N, C-alpha and C. Protein backbone atom coordinates (compact mmCIF):
# COMPACT_ATOMS: atom_id res chain seq x y z
N UNK A 1 0.84 -1.18 0.00
CA UNK A 1 0.00 0.00 0.00
C UNK A 1 0.89 1.24 0.00
N UNK A 2 0.61 2.17 -0.86
CA UNK A 2 1.44 3.38 -0.88
C UNK A 2 0.86 4.42 0.09
N UNK A 3 1.56 5.52 0.25
CA UNK A 3 1.17 6.54 1.24
C UNK A 3 -0.10 7.30 0.87
N UNK A 4 -0.58 7.16 -0.38
CA UNK A 4 -1.79 7.87 -0.77
C UNK A 4 -3.04 7.14 -0.28
N UNK A 5 -2.89 5.92 0.21
CA UNK A 5 -4.02 5.16 0.72
C UNK A 5 -4.42 5.67 2.09
N UNK A 6 -5.72 5.82 2.30
CA UNK A 6 -6.27 6.21 3.60
C UNK A 6 -7.17 5.12 4.14
N UNK A 7 -7.12 3.93 3.55
CA UNK A 7 -7.99 2.84 3.95
C UNK A 7 -7.69 2.39 5.37
N UNK A 8 -6.41 2.34 5.72
CA UNK A 8 -5.99 1.94 7.06
C UNK A 8 -5.26 3.08 7.74
N UNK A 9 -5.58 3.30 9.00
CA UNK A 9 -4.89 4.34 9.79
C UNK A 9 -4.53 3.74 11.14
N UNK A 10 -3.29 3.93 11.53
CA UNK A 10 -2.83 3.41 12.81
C UNK A 10 -3.13 4.43 13.92
N UNK A 11 -3.69 3.95 15.02
CA UNK A 11 -3.95 4.79 16.19
C UNK A 11 -3.38 4.07 17.42
N UNK A 12 -3.39 4.72 18.54
CA UNK A 12 -2.87 4.07 19.75
C UNK A 12 -3.80 2.94 20.24
N UNK A 13 -5.09 2.99 19.84
CA UNK A 13 -6.03 1.94 20.23
C UNK A 13 -5.96 0.73 19.31
N UNK A 14 -5.53 0.96 18.06
CA UNK A 14 -5.51 -0.12 17.07
C UNK A 14 -5.50 0.46 15.67
N UNK A 15 -6.15 -0.24 14.76
CA UNK A 15 -6.17 0.15 13.34
C UNK A 15 -7.59 0.56 12.95
N UNK A 16 -7.70 1.71 12.27
CA UNK A 16 -8.98 2.16 11.70
C UNK A 16 -9.02 1.68 10.25
N UNK A 17 -10.12 1.02 9.90
CA UNK A 17 -10.35 0.49 8.56
C UNK A 17 -11.56 1.20 7.97
N UNK A 18 -11.41 1.79 6.76
CA UNK A 18 -12.48 2.54 6.11
C UNK A 18 -13.12 1.69 5.01
N UNK A 19 -14.45 1.64 5.03
CA UNK A 19 -15.17 0.85 4.03
C UNK A 19 -16.45 1.55 3.63
N UNK A 20 -16.90 1.23 2.42
CA UNK A 20 -18.21 1.71 1.94
C UNK A 20 -19.06 0.47 1.69
N UNK A 21 -20.17 0.38 2.41
CA UNK A 21 -21.02 -0.80 2.32
C UNK A 21 -22.05 -0.67 1.21
N UNK A 22 -22.33 -1.80 0.59
CA UNK A 22 -23.42 -1.94 -0.37
C UNK A 22 -24.33 -3.03 0.21
N UNK A 23 -25.37 -2.63 0.98
CA UNK A 23 -26.25 -3.63 1.60
C UNK A 23 -27.16 -4.30 0.58
N UNK A 24 -27.87 -5.35 1.02
CA UNK A 24 -28.82 -6.10 0.19
C UNK A 24 -28.18 -6.74 -1.04
N UNK A 25 -26.93 -7.13 -0.94
CA UNK A 25 -26.24 -7.79 -2.05
C UNK A 25 -26.53 -9.29 -2.01
N UNK A 26 -26.16 -9.98 -3.08
CA UNK A 26 -26.38 -11.42 -3.15
C UNK A 26 -25.58 -12.17 -2.10
N UNK A 27 -24.34 -11.71 -1.89
CA UNK A 27 -23.47 -12.34 -0.90
C UNK A 27 -22.43 -11.34 -0.45
N UNK A 28 -21.71 -11.69 0.60
CA UNK A 28 -20.68 -10.79 1.15
C UNK A 28 -19.38 -10.94 0.37
N UNK A 29 -18.84 -9.79 -0.08
CA UNK A 29 -17.55 -9.83 -0.77
C UNK A 29 -16.99 -8.42 -0.92
N UNK A 30 -15.69 -8.36 -1.13
CA UNK A 30 -15.05 -7.09 -1.46
C UNK A 30 -15.25 -6.87 -2.95
N UNK A 31 -15.78 -5.70 -3.30
CA UNK A 31 -16.15 -5.44 -4.68
C UNK A 31 -15.25 -4.43 -5.37
N UNK A 32 -14.30 -3.84 -4.66
CA UNK A 32 -13.41 -2.86 -5.26
C UNK A 32 -12.84 -1.97 -4.17
N UNK A 33 -12.04 -1.00 -4.59
CA UNK A 33 -11.47 -0.08 -3.61
C UNK A 33 -11.00 1.20 -4.29
N UNK A 34 -10.89 2.24 -3.49
CA UNK A 34 -10.33 3.52 -3.92
C UNK A 34 -9.21 3.83 -2.93
N UNK A 35 -8.64 5.02 -3.02
CA UNK A 35 -7.63 5.43 -2.03
C UNK A 35 -8.26 5.73 -0.68
N UNK A 36 -9.59 5.90 -0.64
CA UNK A 36 -10.28 6.30 0.58
C UNK A 36 -10.93 5.13 1.33
N UNK A 37 -11.42 4.13 0.61
CA UNK A 37 -12.16 3.05 1.26
C UNK A 37 -12.16 1.78 0.40
N UNK A 38 -12.55 0.68 1.04
CA UNK A 38 -12.79 -0.59 0.36
C UNK A 38 -14.31 -0.72 0.20
N UNK A 39 -14.77 -1.06 -1.00
CA UNK A 39 -16.20 -1.23 -1.24
C UNK A 39 -16.55 -2.69 -0.93
N UNK A 40 -17.48 -2.88 0.00
CA UNK A 40 -17.84 -4.21 0.45
C UNK A 40 -19.33 -4.44 0.27
N UNK A 41 -19.66 -5.52 -0.44
CA UNK A 41 -21.06 -5.91 -0.60
C UNK A 41 -21.44 -6.79 0.58
N UNK A 42 -22.57 -6.45 1.20
CA UNK A 42 -23.07 -7.16 2.37
C UNK A 42 -24.48 -7.66 2.05
N UNK A 43 -24.76 -8.91 2.38
CA UNK A 43 -26.07 -9.48 2.05
C UNK A 43 -27.19 -8.97 2.94
N UNK A 44 -26.87 -8.53 4.14
CA UNK A 44 -27.89 -8.05 5.07
C UNK A 44 -28.46 -6.69 4.64
N UNK A 45 -29.72 -6.44 4.96
CA UNK A 45 -30.31 -5.13 4.65
C UNK A 45 -29.85 -4.07 5.65
N UNK A 46 -29.97 -2.83 5.24
CA UNK A 46 -29.57 -1.70 6.10
C UNK A 46 -30.72 -1.29 7.01
N UNK A 47 -31.28 -2.24 7.73
CA UNK A 47 -32.34 -1.97 8.69
C UNK A 47 -32.00 -2.65 10.01
N UNK A 48 -32.40 -2.01 11.10
CA UNK A 48 -32.23 -2.57 12.44
C UNK A 48 -30.79 -3.02 12.71
N UNK A 49 -29.82 -2.29 12.18
CA UNK A 49 -28.41 -2.55 12.44
C UNK A 49 -27.90 -3.88 11.85
N UNK A 50 -28.68 -4.52 10.99
CA UNK A 50 -28.30 -5.82 10.44
C UNK A 50 -27.07 -5.73 9.55
N UNK A 51 -26.99 -4.72 8.69
CA UNK A 51 -25.82 -4.58 7.81
C UNK A 51 -24.56 -4.31 8.63
N UNK A 52 -24.68 -3.50 9.68
CA UNK A 52 -23.52 -3.21 10.53
C UNK A 52 -23.01 -4.48 11.20
N UNK A 53 -23.92 -5.30 11.72
CA UNK A 53 -23.52 -6.56 12.38
C UNK A 53 -22.86 -7.50 11.38
N UNK A 54 -23.42 -7.58 10.19
CA UNK A 54 -22.85 -8.44 9.14
C UNK A 54 -21.48 -7.92 8.72
N UNK A 55 -21.33 -6.61 8.65
CA UNK A 55 -20.05 -5.98 8.30
C UNK A 55 -18.98 -6.32 9.35
N UNK A 56 -19.35 -6.25 10.62
CA UNK A 56 -18.39 -6.59 11.68
C UNK A 56 -17.98 -8.07 11.57
N UNK A 57 -18.93 -8.93 11.29
CA UNK A 57 -18.61 -10.35 11.09
C UNK A 57 -17.68 -10.54 9.90
N UNK A 58 -17.96 -9.81 8.82
CA UNK A 58 -17.12 -9.89 7.62
C UNK A 58 -15.69 -9.45 7.94
N UNK A 59 -15.55 -8.33 8.66
CA UNK A 59 -14.22 -7.84 9.04
C UNK A 59 -13.50 -8.83 9.95
N UNK A 60 -14.25 -9.47 10.83
CA UNK A 60 -13.68 -10.46 11.73
C UNK A 60 -13.03 -11.60 10.93
N UNK A 61 -13.74 -12.07 9.91
CA UNK A 61 -13.19 -13.13 9.06
C UNK A 61 -12.04 -12.62 8.20
N UNK A 62 -12.21 -11.46 7.61
CA UNK A 62 -11.20 -10.89 6.73
C UNK A 62 -9.86 -10.72 7.44
N UNK A 63 -9.91 -10.17 8.64
CA UNK A 63 -8.68 -9.86 9.37
C UNK A 63 -8.30 -10.91 10.41
N UNK A 64 -9.12 -11.97 10.51
CA UNK A 64 -8.87 -13.07 11.43
C UNK A 64 -8.70 -12.57 12.87
N UNK A 65 -9.68 -11.77 13.31
CA UNK A 65 -9.71 -11.27 14.69
C UNK A 65 -11.10 -11.53 15.27
N UNK A 66 -11.18 -11.59 16.57
CA UNK A 66 -12.44 -11.80 17.26
C UNK A 66 -13.37 -10.60 17.04
N UNK A 67 -14.66 -10.86 16.85
CA UNK A 67 -15.64 -9.78 16.64
C UNK A 67 -15.64 -8.77 17.78
N UNK A 68 -15.32 -9.22 18.98
CA UNK A 68 -15.32 -8.31 20.13
C UNK A 68 -14.22 -7.25 20.03
N UNK A 69 -13.24 -7.45 19.16
CA UNK A 69 -12.16 -6.48 18.97
C UNK A 69 -12.47 -5.46 17.87
N UNK A 70 -13.66 -5.57 17.27
CA UNK A 70 -14.03 -4.68 16.16
C UNK A 70 -15.23 -3.84 16.56
N UNK A 71 -15.13 -2.53 16.37
CA UNK A 71 -16.27 -1.65 16.65
C UNK A 71 -16.34 -0.54 15.62
N UNK A 72 -17.56 -0.14 15.29
CA UNK A 72 -17.76 0.95 14.35
C UNK A 72 -17.54 2.26 15.11
N UNK A 73 -16.60 3.08 14.62
CA UNK A 73 -16.29 4.34 15.30
C UNK A 73 -16.89 5.54 14.58
N UNK A 74 -17.26 5.39 13.30
CA UNK A 74 -18.01 6.45 12.62
C UNK A 74 -18.77 5.85 11.44
N UNK A 75 -19.89 6.48 11.11
CA UNK A 75 -20.70 6.01 9.99
C UNK A 75 -21.73 4.96 10.36
N UNK A 76 -22.11 4.93 11.62
CA UNK A 76 -23.09 3.94 12.09
C UNK A 76 -24.34 3.92 11.20
N UNK A 77 -24.77 5.10 10.75
CA UNK A 77 -25.98 5.20 9.92
C UNK A 77 -25.66 5.65 8.50
N UNK A 78 -24.41 5.50 8.10
CA UNK A 78 -23.96 5.91 6.78
C UNK A 78 -23.43 4.69 6.03
N UNK A 79 -23.33 4.79 4.71
CA UNK A 79 -22.73 3.70 3.94
C UNK A 79 -21.22 3.66 4.12
N UNK A 80 -20.60 4.83 4.33
CA UNK A 80 -19.15 4.88 4.56
C UNK A 80 -18.91 4.76 6.06
N UNK A 81 -18.15 3.74 6.43
CA UNK A 81 -17.94 3.43 7.85
C UNK A 81 -16.45 3.34 8.16
N UNK A 82 -16.15 3.61 9.41
CA UNK A 82 -14.80 3.39 9.92
C UNK A 82 -14.93 2.46 11.12
N UNK A 83 -14.16 1.38 11.08
CA UNK A 83 -14.16 0.47 12.22
C UNK A 83 -12.78 0.48 12.86
N UNK A 84 -12.78 0.28 14.15
CA UNK A 84 -11.55 0.16 14.92
C UNK A 84 -11.31 -1.32 15.17
N UNK A 85 -10.12 -1.78 14.78
CA UNK A 85 -9.69 -3.13 15.09
C UNK A 85 -8.71 -2.99 16.24
N UNK A 86 -9.19 -3.29 17.46
CA UNK A 86 -8.42 -3.02 18.68
C UNK A 86 -7.19 -3.91 18.79
N UNK A 87 -6.12 -3.28 19.28
CA UNK A 87 -4.87 -3.98 19.58
C UNK A 87 -4.29 -4.75 18.40
N UNK A 88 -4.53 -4.27 17.19
CA UNK A 88 -4.03 -4.94 15.99
C UNK A 88 -2.74 -4.27 15.52
N UNK A 89 -1.88 -5.05 14.89
CA UNK A 89 -0.64 -4.53 14.31
C UNK A 89 -0.91 -4.12 12.87
N UNK A 90 -0.44 -2.94 12.49
CA UNK A 90 -0.66 -2.43 11.13
C UNK A 90 -0.11 -3.39 10.09
N UNK A 91 1.02 -4.02 10.38
CA UNK A 91 1.63 -4.94 9.41
C UNK A 91 0.71 -6.13 9.14
N UNK A 92 0.10 -6.69 10.19
CA UNK A 92 -0.78 -7.85 10.02
C UNK A 92 -2.03 -7.49 9.23
N UNK A 93 -2.66 -6.38 9.59
CA UNK A 93 -3.89 -5.96 8.92
C UNK A 93 -3.60 -5.60 7.46
N UNK A 94 -2.51 -4.89 7.22
CA UNK A 94 -2.13 -4.51 5.85
C UNK A 94 -1.91 -5.76 5.01
N UNK A 95 -1.19 -6.71 5.54
CA UNK A 95 -0.89 -7.93 4.79
C UNK A 95 -2.16 -8.68 4.41
N UNK A 96 -3.08 -8.83 5.35
CA UNK A 96 -4.33 -9.54 5.09
C UNK A 96 -5.18 -8.80 4.07
N UNK A 97 -5.24 -7.48 4.19
CA UNK A 97 -6.03 -6.68 3.26
C UNK A 97 -5.42 -6.71 1.86
N UNK A 98 -4.12 -6.54 1.77
CA UNK A 98 -3.46 -6.51 0.46
C UNK A 98 -3.58 -7.85 -0.26
N UNK A 99 -3.58 -8.95 0.49
CA UNK A 99 -3.75 -10.27 -0.11
C UNK A 99 -5.06 -10.33 -0.88
N UNK A 100 -6.12 -9.77 -0.30
CA UNK A 100 -7.43 -9.76 -0.95
C UNK A 100 -7.49 -8.72 -2.07
N UNK A 101 -6.98 -7.52 -1.80
CA UNK A 101 -7.09 -6.43 -2.80
C UNK A 101 -6.26 -6.71 -4.05
N UNK A 102 -5.17 -7.45 -3.91
CA UNK A 102 -4.35 -7.77 -5.08
C UNK A 102 -5.11 -8.58 -6.13
N UNK A 103 -6.17 -9.27 -5.71
CA UNK A 103 -6.91 -10.12 -6.64
C UNK A 103 -8.08 -9.39 -7.31
N UNK A 104 -8.33 -8.14 -6.93
CA UNK A 104 -9.42 -7.38 -7.54
C UNK A 104 -8.90 -6.08 -8.13
N UNK A 105 -9.74 -5.38 -8.85
CA UNK A 105 -9.32 -4.13 -9.49
C UNK A 105 -9.67 -2.94 -8.62
N UNK A 106 -8.93 -1.87 -8.83
CA UNK A 106 -9.20 -0.62 -8.14
C UNK A 106 -10.30 0.13 -8.89
N UNK A 107 -11.25 0.72 -8.16
CA UNK A 107 -12.35 1.50 -8.78
C UNK A 107 -11.83 2.79 -9.38
């Protein structure tokens, strides 16, 4: 990842991950990315916090961390969200994300 990427930000609490959700999709998957966020299709609808819960589960699998270590820090009611992955190392999260992003195209 070059320095123009803002998808991941290191903080003292952990790593902030920026994503743009597309709810009501056929299945959960990463659909593309920009310098600002990763576009993620989520099968759950954007009602009653279902898409947010599904997004946290997706991030848990993507980054191989427990769901309890992931929380939405901004965008709770927006399509663009920032989640905090607590106590995570930037190198580990970057490596896992880049493995997936290398197989798809940039928007």
